[in-house]
Structures are given as structure tokens and as C-alpha cells.
């Protein structure tokens, strides 16, 4: 493909949320976060094995495929990226073809992962949770159906970054603990945040970690703000398996 044709195709597929370098061109050079997600990846890529040795990877909410392609570059075997937005999937397929990487992309919601009928050695769940109306259901479905071992997780956070030391139980008359800024909190966005109507629930740090534990995941690393490497653990006794 000539430079002119490449540039034209990048423009036709736009706008892009992920900035990727295709030949001489960047897909989102004016991204409000900078060179995103490449600069983010630099901060936590060390917790992902450099050689994935043919292991299977599922990238949920893959967008234009940045992380899917990075996993394939690390010698992953089967890599499947899913997203509910067909435009992002078209971008991802174009980028994978440009780099000559064998990655499968499929239009699918996180709530449909049971249909895959398989578990993956590594599941990427990056920047998706706060866009969901039912965040705990999504985590329960991942635990139940697709995570075989590791999950790389990232979620937008706002509010207090300290982690509360809490009792296992509180009397019904206890009110003050809920006023603590470090108590696990989910901030509900009724209309929009950052001009995005799909930003529904934004947790503080304590809530992110509590939700992961409550869903049966063991936090193994927190390499940078908002990013966690988790391993499949045991679901708490009071948490029921999701339907489907």
C-alpha cells in the first residue's frame, strides 16, 4: 500500500481512540492523553511474560487492537480480541493486517463471553469496567467462563487513593464508616463524564480492589496506578455463580 493510500485508509477508519503507528503515520496523534496507550503500556509491560510461549489470550474491549497485537508480538498462540463496536474492530483488523499478525477479532459484548466456550491463559480487561451498567456481573462472568489463570485489569479511578482497613462486619447502627473517604465507593454518573455517556460507575482505589477480591481474583501486582495483574482464586462463599 502506498503512503497516500495508507493515510487515506487511516482517515476513512477514523476517528481512532488508540494511537498506533502504521508506517509513517499515527492514527491518533492529537490524543488528549498523549501517545495512548503506548505510554501506559510502558509502565506495566514488565508484569506480562516477555515470551507467552503459545499461550491463549482474550482481549476484552480490544478497541483498535493495540494490546492484542502486543500479545501476539510476545509469542502468544491464539489471540482473540472482542469489542461491541464494529468500527473499532474494523480498525483492529486493518492494523493486524498491516503488521502481518494473526489475530482474530469478533464483535461481542463482555456479557456474552460464556458463548466462547473456552478459558484463556491470559485475559485482558483494560479500560472496560467503568463503561458497564453491570460491572460486578461482568467480573463474575469472566471468573466463571473465560479466565483460566491470569487477568490483566485496568479501570479508571477517582476519589481517595488510600486503602481502608475495615472490619469484617459492622452493626446496623454504624453510619460513620460510610463517610470515610477511603471506604470502597462507586461513583455513579447519571449523564456524562468526559463527554462520554457510557461512563457509568467510577470506583475509588479501595472499591476496585474490593470488587476484584469479591469476584474471586487474587491481586498479584499493582505495577502502576489503575493497573492490576490478577490470578484466578476462590470465589467468596456468599457470591453465587452468574446465570448463563
Protein backbone atom coordinates (compact mmCIF):
# COMPACT_ATOMS: atom_id res chain seq x y z
CA UNK A 1 0.00 0.00 0.00
CA UNK A 2 1.37 3.40 -0.94
CA UNK A 3 1.76 6.10 1.72
CA UNK A 4 -1.10 8.03 0.16
CA UNK A 5 -3.40 5.01 0.20
CA UNK A 6 -2.38 4.15 3.78
CA UNK A 7 -3.04 7.67 5.00
CA UNK A 8 -6.39 7.72 3.21
CA UNK A 9 -7.45 4.41 4.77
CA UNK A 10 -6.43 5.53 8.27
CA UNK A 11 -8.59 8.64 7.82
CA UNK A 12 -11.52 6.58 6.48
CA UNK A 13 -11.44 4.34 9.56
CA UNK A 14 -11.24 7.27 11.99
CA UNK A 15 -11.68 8.62 14.49
CA UNK A 16 -9.28 6.37 16.38
CA UNK A 17 -9.10 6.20 20.19
CA UNK A 18 -5.85 4.24 20.27
CA UNK A 19 -2.80 5.89 18.78
CA UNK A 20 -0.90 3.38 16.66
CA UNK A 21 2.00 3.84 14.27
CA UNK A 22 1.16 2.45 10.86
CA UNK A 23 4.06 3.08 8.54
CA UNK A 24 4.89 6.78 8.67
CA UNK A 25 1.54 7.73 10.22
CA UNK A 26 -0.07 7.84 13.66
CA UNK A 27 -3.74 7.02 13.99
CA UNK A 28 -4.50 9.45 16.86
CA UNK A 29 -1.59 11.91 17.03
CA UNK A 30 -3.65 14.53 18.89
CA UNK A 31 -4.98 12.20 21.60
CA UNK A 32 -5.85 14.13 24.77
CA UNK A 33 -3.82 11.65 26.85
CA UNK A 34 -0.77 11.80 24.60
CA UNK A 35 0.69 8.70 22.97
CA UNK A 36 -2.02 6.44 24.34
CA UNK A 37 -1.96 3.55 25.09
CA UNK A 38 1.75 3.11 24.29
CA UNK A 39 2.92 5.28 27.19
CA UNK A 40 0.60 3.38 29.55
CA UNK A 41 1.91 0.04 28.32
CA UNK A 42 5.48 1.11 29.09
CA UNK A 43 4.57 1.40 32.77
CA UNK A 44 3.30 -2.14 33.29
CA UNK A 45 4.51 -4.34 30.43
CA UNK A 46 7.13 -5.87 32.73
CA UNK A 47 4.45 -7.87 34.58
CA UNK A 48 3.47 -9.70 31.36
CA UNK A 49 5.82 -12.53 30.38
CA UNK A 50 8.10 -11.47 27.54
CA UNK A 51 7.52 -14.85 25.92
CA UNK A 52 3.95 -16.06 26.21
CA UNK A 53 5.04 -19.41 24.76
CA UNK A 54 1.97 -20.05 22.65
CA UNK A 55 -0.50 -19.32 25.45
CA UNK A 56 -4.03 -18.22 24.61
CA UNK A 57 -5.09 -14.60 25.15
CA UNK A 58 -8.51 -12.94 25.23
CA UNK A 59 -8.57 -9.13 24.92
CA UNK A 60 -11.97 -7.82 26.06
CA UNK A 61 -12.89 -4.37 24.77
CA UNK A 62 -9.92 -4.57 22.41
CA UNK A 63 -10.65 -1.27 20.66
CA UNK A 64 -8.21 -0.94 17.72
CA UNK A 65 -6.23 -3.95 18.92
CA UNK A 66 -3.16 -2.34 20.49
CA UNK A 67 -2.85 -4.86 23.33
CA UNK A 68 -3.92 -7.81 21.16
CA UNK A 69 -1.07 -7.06 18.79
CA UNK A 70 1.40 -6.64 21.64
CA UNK A 71 0.43 -10.08 22.99
CA UNK A 72 0.99 -11.63 19.57
CA UNK A 73 4.39 -9.95 19.40
CA UNK A 74 5.17 -11.74 22.67
CA UNK A 75 4.71 -15.12 21.03
CA UNK A 76 1.15 -15.74 22.21
CA UNK A 77 -0.63 -18.58 20.46
CA UNK A 78 -4.29 -17.86 19.84
CA UNK A 79 -5.19 -14.22 20.41
CA UNK A 80 -8.84 -13.20 20.29
CA UNK A 81 -9.96 -9.59 20.63
CA UNK A 82 -13.62 -8.79 21.24
CA UNK A 83 -15.43 -5.47 21.21
CA UNK A 84 -19.02 -4.33 20.88
CA UNK A 85 -18.14 -1.53 18.44
CA UNK A 86 -17.79 -2.68 14.80
CA UNK A 87 -15.77 0.42 13.86
CA UNK A 88 -13.07 -0.41 16.40
CA UNK A 89 -12.97 -4.00 15.10
CA UNK A 90 -12.51 -2.75 11.55
CA UNK A 91 -9.58 -0.64 12.76
CA UNK A 92 -8.13 -3.64 14.62
CA UNK A 93 -8.33 -5.94 11.61
CA UNK A 94 -6.69 -3.30 9.44
CA UNK A 95 -3.84 -2.82 11.96
CA UNK A 96 -3.28 -6.58 12.35
CA UNK A 97 -3.17 -6.99 8.57
CA UNK A 98 -0.75 -4.06 8.27
CA UNK A 99 1.68 -5.73 10.69
CA UNK A 100 1.08 -9.23 9.35
CA UNK A 101 -0.07 -10.56 12.72
CA UNK A 102 -2.54 -13.44 13.03
CA UNK A 103 -5.12 -12.12 15.49
CA UNK A 104 -8.84 -12.92 15.46
CA UNK A 105 -11.38 -10.19 16.17
CA UNK A 106 -15.03 -10.71 16.93
CA UNK A 107 -17.97 -8.44 17.73
CA UNK A 108 -19.17 -9.47 21.16
CA UNK A 109 -20.19 -7.97 24.49
CA UNK A 110 -18.45 -8.90 27.73
CA UNK A 111 -21.83 -10.23 28.89
CA UNK A 112 -21.68 -12.84 26.10
CA UNK A 113 -18.32 -14.43 26.97
CA UNK A 114 -19.97 -17.71 28.00
CA UNK A 115 -20.67 -18.28 24.30
CA UNK A 116 -16.94 -18.65 23.67
CA UNK A 117 -16.99 -21.98 25.48
CA UNK A 118 -13.33 -21.84 26.46
CA UNK A 119 -10.92 -20.45 29.01
CA UNK A 120 -7.83 -18.40 28.19
CA UNK A 121 -4.41 -18.41 29.85
CA UNK A 122 -4.39 -14.61 29.93
CA UNK A 123 -7.42 -12.33 29.83
CA UNK A 124 -7.01 -8.58 29.25
CA UNK A 125 -9.80 -6.48 30.72
CA UNK A 126 -8.43 -2.99 30.22
CA UNK A 127 -10.49 0.19 30.45
CA UNK A 128 -13.88 -1.51 30.26
CA UNK A 129 -15.39 -1.85 33.74
CA UNK A 130 -16.45 1.77 34.18
CA UNK A 131 -18.30 1.68 30.85
CA UNK A 132 -20.60 -1.10 32.10
CA UNK A 133 -24.06 -0.85 33.64
CA UNK A 134 -23.42 -4.13 35.44
CA UNK A 135 -19.74 -4.19 36.47
CA UNK A 136 -19.87 -6.97 39.08
CA UNK A 137 -21.83 -9.21 36.72
CA UNK A 138 -19.06 -8.75 34.14
CA UNK A 139 -16.36 -9.76 36.64
CA UNK A 140 -18.42 -12.77 37.74
CA UNK A 141 -18.84 -13.87 34.12
CA UNK A 142 -15.11 -13.61 33.47
CA UNK A 143 -14.39 -15.70 36.56
CA UNK A 144 -17.00 -18.28 35.66
CA UNK A 145 -16.29 -18.69 31.95
CA UNK A 146 -13.03 -17.37 30.48
CA UNK A 147 -10.18 -16.75 32.96
CA UNK A 148 -8.03 -19.87 33.29
CA UNK A 149 -5.11 -18.29 35.12
CA UNK A 150 -4.16 -14.61 34.77
CA UNK A 151 -6.13 -11.41 34.18
CA UNK A 152 -4.58 -8.05 33.38
CA UNK A 153 -7.04 -5.42 34.55
CA UNK A 154 -7.29 -1.63 34.34
CA UNK A 155 -10.07 0.70 35.42
CA UNK A 156 -10.46 4.46 35.65
CA UNK A 157 -10.32 5.59 39.28
CA UNK A 158 -11.36 8.77 41.03
CA UNK A 159 -11.56 9.80 44.67
CA UNK A 160 -9.38 8.71 47.58
CA UNK A 161 -6.39 6.52 46.76
CA UNK A 162 -5.76 5.23 50.28
CA UNK A 163 -6.99 1.75 51.15
CA UNK A 164 -9.27 1.46 54.17
CA UNK A 165 -8.62 -1.02 56.96
CA UNK A 166 -12.11 -2.32 57.64
CA UNK A 167 -13.78 -4.77 59.98
CA UNK A 168 -15.41 -7.87 58.55
CA UNK A 169 -18.80 -6.76 59.87
CA UNK A 170 -20.48 -3.64 61.23
CA UNK A 171 -23.60 -3.16 63.31
CA UNK A 172 -26.67 -1.82 61.53
CA UNK A 173 -26.40 1.34 63.62
CA UNK A 174 -22.93 2.15 62.22
CA UNK A 175 -23.01 5.20 59.92
CA UNK A 176 -19.64 6.92 60.25
CA UNK A 177 -17.65 4.32 58.34
CA UNK A 178 -19.55 5.18 55.15
CA UNK A 179 -18.38 8.78 55.39
CA UNK A 180 -14.73 7.78 55.31
CA UNK A 181 -13.13 8.85 52.00
CA UNK A 182 -11.12 5.60 51.91
CA UNK A 183 -14.21 3.38 52.20
CA UNK A 184 -14.81 1.43 48.95
CA UNK A 185 -17.03 3.66 46.78
CA UNK A 186 -18.55 3.57 43.31
CA UNK A 187 -19.45 6.98 41.94
CA UNK A 188 -22.49 6.75 39.68
CA UNK A 189 -22.56 9.00 36.60
CA UNK A 190 -26.18 9.59 35.61
CA UNK A 191 -25.48 11.64 32.48
CA UNK A 192 -21.90 12.06 31.22
CA UNK A 193 -18.31 12.23 32.37
CA UNK A 194 -15.62 13.44 29.95
CA UNK A 195 -18.42 13.87 27.37
CA UNK A 196 -18.96 10.08 27.37
CA UNK A 197 -22.46 8.79 28.17
CA UNK A 198 -21.08 5.26 28.75
CA UNK A 199 -19.03 6.24 31.80
CA UNK A 200 -21.44 4.74 34.35
CA UNK A 201 -19.57 3.76 37.52
CA UNK A 202 -16.20 5.18 38.55
CA UNK A 203 -14.66 3.49 41.59
CA UNK A 204 -12.04 4.67 44.03
CA UNK A 205 -8.95 2.51 44.53
CA UNK A 206 -10.40 0.67 47.52
CA UNK A 207 -13.52 -0.25 45.55
CA UNK A 208 -11.53 -1.60 42.59
CA UNK A 209 -9.50 -3.90 44.81
CA UNK A 210 -12.52 -4.98 46.86
CA UNK A 211 -14.54 -5.79 43.72
CA UNK A 212 -11.70 -7.89 42.30
CA UNK A 213 -11.38 -9.86 45.55
CA UNK A 214 -15.14 -10.25 45.85
CA UNK A 215 -15.25 -11.71 42.34
CA UNK A 216 -12.65 -14.36 43.17
CA UNK A 217 -9.46 -12.75 41.86
CA UNK A 218 -6.20 -12.56 43.78
CA UNK A 219 -4.24 -9.34 43.17
CA UNK A 220 -0.64 -10.27 42.46
CA UNK A 221 0.72 -6.91 41.32
CA UNK A 222 -0.28 -3.27 41.04
CA UNK A 223 2.54 -2.10 38.75
CA UNK A 224 1.12 1.36 38.24
CA UNK A 225 -1.95 3.39 39.10
CA UNK A 226 -5.17 1.71 37.93
CA UNK A 227 -3.46 -1.45 36.59
CA UNK A 228 -3.55 -4.86 38.29
CA UNK A 229 -2.26 -8.32 37.48
CA UNK A 230 -4.66 -10.84 39.00
CA UNK A 231 -4.75 -14.61 39.31
CA UNK A 232 -7.82 -16.79 39.47
CA UNK A 233 -8.57 -17.58 43.11
CA UNK A 234 -11.58 -18.80 45.05
CA UNK A 235 -14.94 -17.08 44.86
CA UNK A 236 -16.19 -15.97 48.31
CA UNK A 237 -18.82 -18.27 49.81
CA UNK A 238 -21.63 -15.69 49.58
CA UNK A 239 -21.13 -14.96 45.86
CA UNK A 240 -23.32 -17.03 43.57
CA UNK A 241 -22.29 -18.09 40.10
CA UNK A 242 -23.88 -15.86 37.43
CA UNK A 243 -26.60 -17.23 35.18
CA UNK A 244 -25.74 -18.28 31.67
